[in-house]
Amino acid sequence: MALKEHLREARNRLFKSAIAVLAATVGGFFLYDPVLKALGAPIVAINDQEGRTASLNFDTAASPFDLMIQVAIFLGVVISSPVWLYQLWAFITPGLKTKERRIALGFIAVAVPLFLMGIYLAWLILPNAVRVLTDFTPDEFSNLISVSVYFAFVLRLMLAFGVAFLLPVILFGLNAVGLVSGRQILKAWRITVFLVCLFAAMAAPGGDALSMFYLAVPLLLLFFVAIGLCLLNDKRRARRAAAREAEVEATVDTATPLDSL
């Protein structure tokens, strides 16, 4: 494909993706109220269940509108993700070989559910994380929480969990293309455990132990599952290489019949 055609294709794919995100963002405006109530539920629960005063507050007159725009765009990107992921796939496919296409398609097919699983896990621990963090508030004080700061906290928590859940897919992808073996990954398990715990400590908003625990444990489980898959893939690759080598040797050793000369 010529450079001009390649750029035209990129423009068309980008335009379709932008239209999908825009249309989904419009739908996000209709979901704003229920999403806002759901995300703010942990703060409401502090008042109802813990008997402490906590509330979400807007800092400026324009803050409610700004928050609505941000939430709608975020929902638009999430809702339209199948469309723009397909457009990305359709754009890179012509430049890939058959094996690379299968690897890329498998990467997307696994990465998206894992990313959503990470976000869902963050959603599950959000109430406990908020409760633990607000438990440090002295009895004579109240929690007047800025809405923008709170939702930045929520988005950071969800994105940290979602991106972290992609680690096993990245490792298996590197193994699938032959850049790293399963044994090489396994040898580094100690340093990986340390780095995962360090990442969990840095990525967990507020640094509370509960968020770090819920982030580190699934990551470590997925890491060792990825190691197992990489080792199985290495064995399969070794068997195929041995079969091809045996086939080549058999072909070379086979004598050509005289009557065929």
Protein backbone atom coordinates (compact mmCIF):
# COMPACT_ATOMS: atom_id res chain seq x y z
CA MET A 1 0.00 0.00 0.00
CA ALA A 2 1.40 3.41 -1.02
CA LEU A 3 2.01 6.07 1.61
CA LYS A 4 -0.80 8.26 0.27
CA GLU A 5 -3.28 5.37 0.41
CA HIS A 6 -2.01 4.42 3.86
CA LEU A 7 -2.64 7.95 5.16
CA ARG A 8 -6.08 8.01 3.54
CA GLU A 9 -6.92 4.69 5.20
CA ALA A 10 -5.73 6.02 8.57
CA ARG A 11 -7.86 9.14 8.15
CA ASN A 12 -10.96 7.09 7.31
CA ARG A 13 -10.46 4.74 10.27
CA LEU A 14 -9.84 7.67 12.60
CA PHE A 15 -12.93 9.46 11.34
CA LYS A 16 -15.12 6.39 11.91
CA SER A 17 -13.67 5.95 15.40
CA ALA A 18 -14.30 9.61 16.23
CA ILE A 19 -17.91 9.37 15.04
CA ALA A 20 -18.44 6.27 17.20
CA VAL A 21 -16.93 7.96 20.27
CA LEU A 22 -19.00 11.10 19.66
CA ALA A 23 -22.24 9.13 19.29
CA ALA A 24 -21.48 7.09 22.41
CA THR A 25 -20.61 10.29 24.30
CA VAL A 26 -24.08 11.63 23.51
CA GLY A 27 -25.46 8.45 25.03
CA GLY A 28 -23.13 8.98 27.98
CA PHE A 29 -24.99 12.18 28.86
CA PHE A 30 -28.16 10.11 29.43
CA LEU A 31 -26.22 7.74 31.70
CA TYR A 32 -24.61 10.55 33.66
CA ASP A 33 -27.08 10.64 36.56
CA PRO A 34 -27.15 6.88 37.34
CA VAL A 35 -23.38 6.61 36.93
CA LEU A 36 -22.84 9.61 39.19
CA LYS A 37 -25.10 8.11 41.85
CA ALA A 38 -23.39 4.72 41.60
CA LEU A 39 -19.89 6.18 41.92
CA GLY A 40 -20.95 8.42 44.79
CA ALA A 41 -22.69 5.58 46.66
CA PRO A 42 -19.63 4.80 48.85
CA ILE A 43 -19.69 8.37 50.17
CA VAL A 44 -23.42 8.13 50.91
CA ALA A 45 -22.82 4.82 52.70
CA ILE A 46 -20.43 6.54 55.10
CA ASN A 47 -23.31 8.68 56.34
CA ASP A 48 -25.85 5.86 56.46
CA GLN A 49 -23.72 2.99 57.78
CA GLU A 50 -20.75 4.52 59.54
CA GLY A 51 -22.59 7.38 61.21
CA ARG A 52 -20.02 9.92 60.06
CA THR A 53 -20.52 13.08 58.01
CA ALA A 54 -19.25 12.95 54.43
CA SER A 55 -20.41 14.69 51.29
CA LEU A 56 -19.31 15.44 47.74
CA ASN A 57 -19.01 19.12 46.91
CA PHE A 58 -18.45 21.16 43.77
CA ASP A 59 -15.69 23.75 44.06
CA THR A 60 -16.84 26.23 41.40
CA ALA A 61 -19.99 27.15 39.52
CA ALA A 62 -18.70 25.46 36.36
CA SER A 63 -17.63 22.24 38.12
CA PRO A 64 -20.96 20.38 37.60
CA PHE A 65 -20.86 21.02 33.86
CA ASP A 66 -17.17 20.09 33.63
CA LEU A 67 -17.80 16.85 35.49
CA MET A 68 -20.73 15.98 33.21
CA ILE A 69 -18.51 16.47 30.14
CA GLN A 70 -15.71 14.35 31.60
CA VAL A 71 -18.00 11.50 32.64
CA ALA A 72 -19.83 11.53 29.28
CA ILE A 73 -16.55 11.38 27.34
CA PHE A 74 -15.25 8.58 29.55
CA LEU A 75 -18.45 6.59 29.02
CA GLY A 76 -18.30 7.34 25.30
CA VAL A 77 -14.79 5.92 25.01
CA VAL A 78 -15.74 2.79 26.97
CA ILE A 79 -19.05 2.18 25.16
CA SER A 80 -17.54 2.71 21.71
CA SER A 81 -14.45 0.59 22.44
CA PRO A 82 -15.58 -2.33 20.21
CA VAL A 83 -15.84 0.07 17.26
CA TRP A 84 -12.51 1.86 17.60
CA LEU A 85 -10.72 -1.37 18.51
CA TYR A 86 -12.08 -2.91 15.32
CA GLN A 87 -10.98 0.14 13.33
CA LEU A 88 -7.50 -0.17 14.81
CA TRP A 89 -7.47 -3.87 13.97
CA ALA A 90 -8.66 -3.24 10.41
CA PHE A 91 -5.95 -0.60 9.95
CA ILE A 92 -2.99 -2.73 11.08
CA THR A 93 -4.16 -6.04 9.58
CA PRO A 94 -3.05 -5.40 5.95
CA GLY A 95 0.55 -4.97 7.10
CA LEU A 96 0.68 -8.19 9.11
CA LYS A 97 1.45 -11.76 8.14
CA THR A 98 -1.07 -14.52 8.83
CA LYS A 99 0.61 -15.61 12.06
CA GLU A 100 0.96 -12.02 13.24
CA ARG A 101 -2.73 -11.42 12.53
CA ARG A 102 -3.70 -14.37 14.71
CA ILE A 103 -1.46 -13.15 17.51
CA ALA A 104 -2.79 -9.59 17.29
CA LEU A 105 -6.41 -10.76 17.17
CA GLY A 106 -5.85 -13.06 20.13
CA PHE A 107 -4.17 -10.21 22.00
CA ILE A 108 -7.19 -7.95 21.52
CA ALA A 109 -9.66 -10.75 22.31
CA VAL A 110 -7.96 -11.44 25.65
CA ALA A 111 -6.81 -7.93 26.53
CA VAL A 112 -10.25 -6.32 26.44
CA PRO A 113 -11.91 -8.78 28.90
CA LEU A 114 -8.90 -8.60 31.22
CA PHE A 115 -8.96 -4.81 31.16
CA LEU A 116 -12.68 -4.84 31.98
CA MET A 117 -12.07 -7.41 34.73
CA GLY A 118 -9.53 -5.08 36.28
CA ILE A 119 -11.99 -2.20 36.17
CA TYR A 120 -14.71 -4.39 37.67
CA LEU A 121 -12.42 -5.48 40.51
CA ALA A 122 -11.64 -1.83 41.21
CA TRP A 123 -15.37 -1.17 41.30
CA LEU A 124 -15.82 -3.95 43.86
CA ILE A 125 -13.15 -2.66 46.22
CA LEU A 126 -14.09 1.02 45.84
CA PRO A 127 -16.53 1.08 48.81
CA ASN A 128 -14.00 -0.58 51.11
CA ALA A 129 -11.19 1.67 49.90
CA VAL A 130 -13.27 4.78 50.57
CA ARG A 131 -14.33 3.49 53.97
CA VAL A 132 -10.75 2.65 55.01
CA LEU A 133 -9.41 6.03 53.90
CA THR A 134 -12.17 8.03 55.59
CA ASP A 135 -11.79 6.03 58.82
CA PHE A 136 -8.75 8.18 59.59
CA THR A 137 -10.98 11.24 59.96
CA PRO A 138 -11.12 12.40 63.62
CA ASP A 139 -14.52 12.32 65.28
CA GLU A 140 -14.80 16.09 65.52
CA PHE A 141 -14.19 16.60 61.79
CA SER A 142 -16.28 16.06 58.64
CA ASN A 143 -15.33 14.90 55.15
CA LEU A 144 -16.15 17.62 52.62
CA ILE A 145 -14.77 15.93 49.51
CA SER A 146 -14.25 17.73 46.23
CA VAL A 147 -16.15 16.00 43.43
CA SER A 148 -13.32 16.51 40.94
CA VAL A 149 -10.73 15.09 43.34
CA TYR A 150 -12.97 12.14 44.22
CA PHE A 151 -13.69 11.17 40.63
CA ALA A 152 -10.03 11.57 39.72
CA PHE A 153 -9.36 9.09 42.54
CA VAL A 154 -11.99 6.68 41.18
CA LEU A 155 -10.75 6.89 37.59
CA ARG A 156 -7.15 6.42 38.67
CA LEU A 157 -8.11 3.37 40.70
CA MET A 158 -10.00 1.80 37.80
CA LEU A 159 -7.35 2.59 35.19
CA ALA A 160 -4.58 1.27 37.45
CA PHE A 161 -6.40 -2.03 37.91
CA GLY A 162 -7.37 -2.26 34.24
CA VAL A 163 -3.89 -1.59 32.88
CA ALA A 164 -2.24 -3.82 35.47
CA PHE A 165 -4.41 -6.75 34.37
CA LEU A 166 -2.83 -6.48 30.90
CA LEU A 167 0.59 -7.60 32.20
CA PRO A 168 0.01 -11.35 31.54
CA VAL A 169 -1.18 -10.62 28.00
CA ILE A 170 1.95 -8.58 27.30
CA LEU A 171 4.19 -11.35 28.64
CA PHE A 172 2.46 -14.02 26.59
CA GLY A 173 2.57 -11.79 23.51
CA LEU A 174 6.33 -11.39 23.89
CA ASN A 175 6.63 -15.15 24.26
CA ALA A 176 4.41 -15.82 21.25
CA VAL A 177 6.64 -13.77 18.95
CA GLY A 178 9.76 -15.45 20.34
CA LEU A 179 11.28 -12.49 22.20
CA VAL A 180 11.30 -14.20 25.59
CA SER A 181 10.90 -17.78 26.80
CA GLY A 182 8.81 -19.08 29.64
CA ARG A 183 11.90 -20.18 31.57
CA GLN A 184 13.38 -16.70 31.31
CA ILE A 185 10.20 -15.24 32.78
CA LEU A 186 10.12 -17.91 35.49
CA LYS A 187 13.71 -17.17 36.54
CA ALA A 188 12.71 -13.58 37.25
CA TRP A 189 9.74 -14.48 39.46
CA ARG A 190 11.28 -13.06 42.64
CA ILE A 191 12.02 -9.65 41.18
CA THR A 192 8.60 -9.72 39.48
CA VAL A 193 6.82 -10.34 42.78
CA PHE A 194 8.72 -7.41 44.28
CA LEU A 195 7.93 -5.14 41.32
CA VAL A 196 4.24 -6.12 41.37
CA CYS A 197 3.99 -5.28 45.07
CA LEU A 198 5.85 -2.02 44.48
CA PHE A 199 3.54 -1.17 41.59
CA ALA A 200 0.49 -1.99 43.71
CA ALA A 201 1.78 0.27 46.48
CA MET A 202 2.33 3.13 44.04
CA ALA A 203 -0.80 2.64 41.92
CA ALA A 204 -3.32 2.12 44.71
CA PRO A 205 -4.87 5.54 45.35
CA GLY A 206 -4.36 6.67 48.91
CA GLY A 207 -1.84 3.89 49.51
CA ASP A 208 -4.23 1.89 51.69
CA ALA A 209 -3.29 -1.72 52.32
CA LEU A 210 -6.64 -3.08 51.15
CA SER A 211 -6.34 -1.61 47.66
CA MET A 212 -2.73 -2.78 47.41
CA PHE A 213 -3.73 -6.30 48.46
CA TYR A 214 -6.62 -6.54 46.00
CA LEU A 215 -4.37 -5.27 43.20
CA ALA A 216 -1.27 -7.34 43.96
CA VAL A 217 -2.88 -10.76 44.52
CA PRO A 218 -4.78 -11.01 41.18
CA LEU A 219 -1.73 -9.67 39.35
CA LEU A 220 0.50 -12.34 40.86
CA LEU A 221 -2.03 -15.06 40.04
CA LEU A 222 -2.29 -13.84 36.45
CA PHE A 223 1.51 -13.61 36.25
CA PHE A 224 1.99 -17.26 37.18
CA VAL A 225 -0.84 -18.30 34.85
CA ALA A 226 0.98 -16.44 32.07
CA ILE A 227 4.19 -18.29 32.95
CA GLY A 228 2.37 -21.62 32.66
CA LEU A 229 0.96 -20.67 29.26
CA CYS A 230 4.39 -19.51 28.08
CA LEU A 231 5.98 -22.80 29.16
CA LEU A 232 3.28 -24.76 27.32
CA ASN A 233 3.80 -22.61 24.25
CA ASP A 234 7.56 -23.21 24.42
CA LYS A 235 7.01 -26.97 24.55
CA ARG A 236 4.64 -26.83 21.59
CA ARG A 237 7.13 -24.72 19.65
CA ALA A 238 9.92 -27.18 20.49
CA ARG A 239 7.82 -30.15 19.32
CA ARG A 240 7.06 -28.42 16.04
CA ALA A 241 10.72 -27.56 15.52
CA ALA A 242 11.73 -31.15 16.24
CA ALA A 243 9.09 -32.48 13.84
CA ARG A 244 10.26 -30.14 11.07
CA GLU A 245 13.88 -31.10 11.66
CA ALA A 246 13.02 -34.80 11.55
CA GLU A 247 11.06 -34.26 8.34
CA VAL A 248 13.98 -32.46 6.72
CA GLU A 249 16.43 -35.18 7.76
CA ALA A 250 14.08 -37.86 6.44
CA THR A 251 13.82 -36.03 3.12
CA VAL A 252 17.59 -35.70 2.82
CA ASP A 253 18.23 -39.32 3.78
CA THR A 254 15.68 -40.71 1.31
CA ALA A 255 17.49 -41.99 -1.80
CA THR A 256 16.15 -41.03 -5.19
CA PRO A 257 15.07 -44.14 -7.19
CA LEU A 258 17.23 -44.83 -10.28
CA ASP A 259 14.23 -45.25 -12.59
CA SER A 260 13.10 -41.74 -11.76
CA LEU A 261 16.35 -40.25 -13.07
